[in-house]
Amino acid sequence: MAFSKINRRAKIKRRIRKRISGNAQVPRLTVFRSNKQIYAQLIDDVNGVTLASASSYKNKKAEKVAKIEQAAVVGKEIAEKAVKAGIESVVFDRNGYLYHGRVKSLADSAREGGLKF
């Protein structure tokens, strides 16, 4: 049985989410990428709340650059918000995407911004 791209990603996503979970001290940094934008959230799964979020949507710094640079801007922004909220360590959730390209760029810039994962 051949999987569509969406089904394959959903299966990978379920496999990842079985193993990782975030809490208030070490939230889950999850990434969503659409064709044009990229979004990142820090989620406390125990209480079911989003602690911080950043995206390239309506972001002046990320407007007129390539998508990989957009991801780097979003990674820096989420790291700044996390440090301001007193969060220094996170669990990275690539959300079924390959750790490559925009996802890798976001993760690397979040690490440079001060997050540990």
Protein backbone atom coordinates (compact mmCIF):
# COMPACT_ATOMS: atom_id res chain seq x y z
CA MET A 1 0.00 0.00 0.00
CA ALA A 2 1.47 3.29 -1.07
CA PHE A 3 1.23 6.19 1.33
CA SER A 4 0.51 9.68 0.18
CA LYS A 5 2.84 12.43 1.34
CA ILE A 6 0.31 13.55 3.97
CA ASN A 7 -0.26 10.02 5.32
CA ARG A 8 3.47 9.36 5.51
CA ARG A 9 4.06 12.57 7.48
CA ALA A 10 1.14 11.80 9.82
CA LYS A 11 2.60 8.36 10.55
CA ILE A 12 6.03 9.82 11.31
CA LYS A 13 4.40 12.54 13.43
CA ARG A 14 2.55 9.94 15.55
CA ARG A 15 5.76 7.96 16.02
CA ILE A 16 7.63 11.08 17.21
CA ARG A 17 4.84 12.31 19.50
CA LYS A 18 4.69 8.91 21.28
CA ARG A 19 8.18 9.54 22.57
CA ILE A 20 8.40 13.27 23.22
CA SER A 21 6.35 15.58 25.39
CA GLY A 22 6.92 19.04 26.84
CA ASN A 23 6.27 20.51 30.26
CA ALA A 24 6.54 24.00 31.77
CA GLN A 25 10.31 23.72 32.45
CA VAL A 26 11.23 21.90 29.22
CA PRO A 27 8.56 22.68 26.61
CA ARG A 28 8.22 21.11 23.19
CA LEU A 29 9.47 23.28 20.31
CA THR A 30 7.28 22.31 17.39
CA VAL A 31 7.70 23.42 13.79
CA PHE A 32 5.08 23.77 11.08
CA ARG A 33 5.99 24.74 7.57
CA SER A 34 3.60 25.62 4.81
CA ASN A 35 4.62 26.30 1.23
CA LYS A 36 5.23 29.99 1.94
CA GLN A 37 5.62 30.40 5.73
CA ILE A 38 7.18 28.70 8.75
CA TYR A 39 5.84 28.69 12.30
CA ALA A 40 7.34 27.66 15.65
CA GLN A 41 5.67 27.18 19.03
CA LEU A 42 6.79 26.32 22.55
CA ILE A 43 4.14 24.03 24.00
CA ASP A 44 3.57 22.78 27.55
CA ASP A 45 1.81 19.45 26.91
CA VAL A 46 1.02 18.81 30.59
CA ASN A 47 -1.20 21.90 30.86
CA GLY A 48 -2.02 22.10 27.16
CA VAL A 49 -0.87 25.68 26.63
CA THR A 50 1.36 27.48 24.14
CA LEU A 51 4.07 29.38 26.01
CA ALA A 52 5.50 31.32 23.05
CA SER A 53 5.21 31.39 19.29
CA ALA A 54 6.93 32.94 16.30
CA SER A 55 6.28 32.87 12.58
CA SER A 56 7.40 34.35 9.31
CA TYR A 57 3.82 35.48 8.62
CA LYS A 58 3.59 39.29 8.82
CA ASN A 59 7.17 39.42 10.11
CA LYS A 60 8.99 42.43 8.64
CA LYS A 61 12.46 40.85 8.97
CA ALA A 62 11.39 37.65 7.19
CA GLU A 63 9.39 39.26 4.40
CA LYS A 64 11.79 39.61 1.49
CA VAL A 65 14.34 36.86 2.07
CA ALA A 66 14.61 33.26 0.93
CA LYS A 67 12.72 30.61 2.86
CA ILE A 68 15.80 29.19 4.62
CA GLU A 69 16.71 32.68 5.87
CA GLN A 70 13.06 33.12 6.92
CA ALA A 71 13.38 30.00 9.06
CA ALA A 72 16.58 31.36 10.63
CA VAL A 73 14.80 34.61 11.56
CA VAL A 74 11.93 32.67 13.13
CA GLY A 75 14.39 30.45 15.05
CA LYS A 76 16.12 33.50 16.50
CA GLU A 77 12.80 35.09 17.40
CA ILE A 78 11.50 31.98 19.21
CA ALA A 79 14.80 31.69 21.09
CA GLU A 80 14.56 35.33 22.23
CA LYS A 81 10.99 34.81 23.44
CA ALA A 82 11.97 31.60 25.24
CA VAL A 83 14.91 33.20 27.02
CA LYS A 84 12.71 36.15 28.01
CA ALA A 85 10.19 33.66 29.47
CA GLY A 86 12.97 31.92 31.43
CA ILE A 87 13.16 28.82 29.24
CA GLU A 88 16.63 27.59 28.35
CA SER A 89 16.03 23.95 27.38
CA VAL A 90 13.45 22.50 24.96
CA VAL A 91 12.50 19.22 23.29
CA PHE A 92 12.57 19.58 19.49
CA ASP A 93 9.55 18.29 17.56
CA ARG A 94 10.19 18.33 13.82
CA ASN A 95 6.53 17.42 13.31
CA GLY A 96 7.12 14.69 10.73
CA TYR A 97 9.32 16.82 8.49
CA LEU A 98 12.81 15.76 7.56
CA TYR A 99 15.56 17.45 9.60
CA HIS A 100 16.77 19.27 6.52
CA GLY A 101 16.50 22.68 4.86
CA ARG A 102 14.12 25.05 6.63
CA VAL A 103 13.59 22.84 9.69
CA LYS A 104 17.35 22.51 10.21
CA SER A 105 17.87 26.25 9.68
CA LEU A 106 15.24 27.08 12.31
CA ALA A 107 16.75 24.61 14.80
CA ASP A 108 20.31 25.87 14.27
CA SER A 109 19.35 29.52 14.73
CA ALA A 110 17.32 28.66 17.86
CA ARG A 111 20.44 26.99 19.26
CA GLU A 112 22.50 30.07 18.42
CA GLY A 113 19.85 32.17 20.19
CA GLY A 114 20.47 30.30 23.44
CA LEU A 115 18.14 27.28 23.46
CA LYS A 116 19.48 23.86 24.36
CA PHE A 117 18.12 20.69 22.73
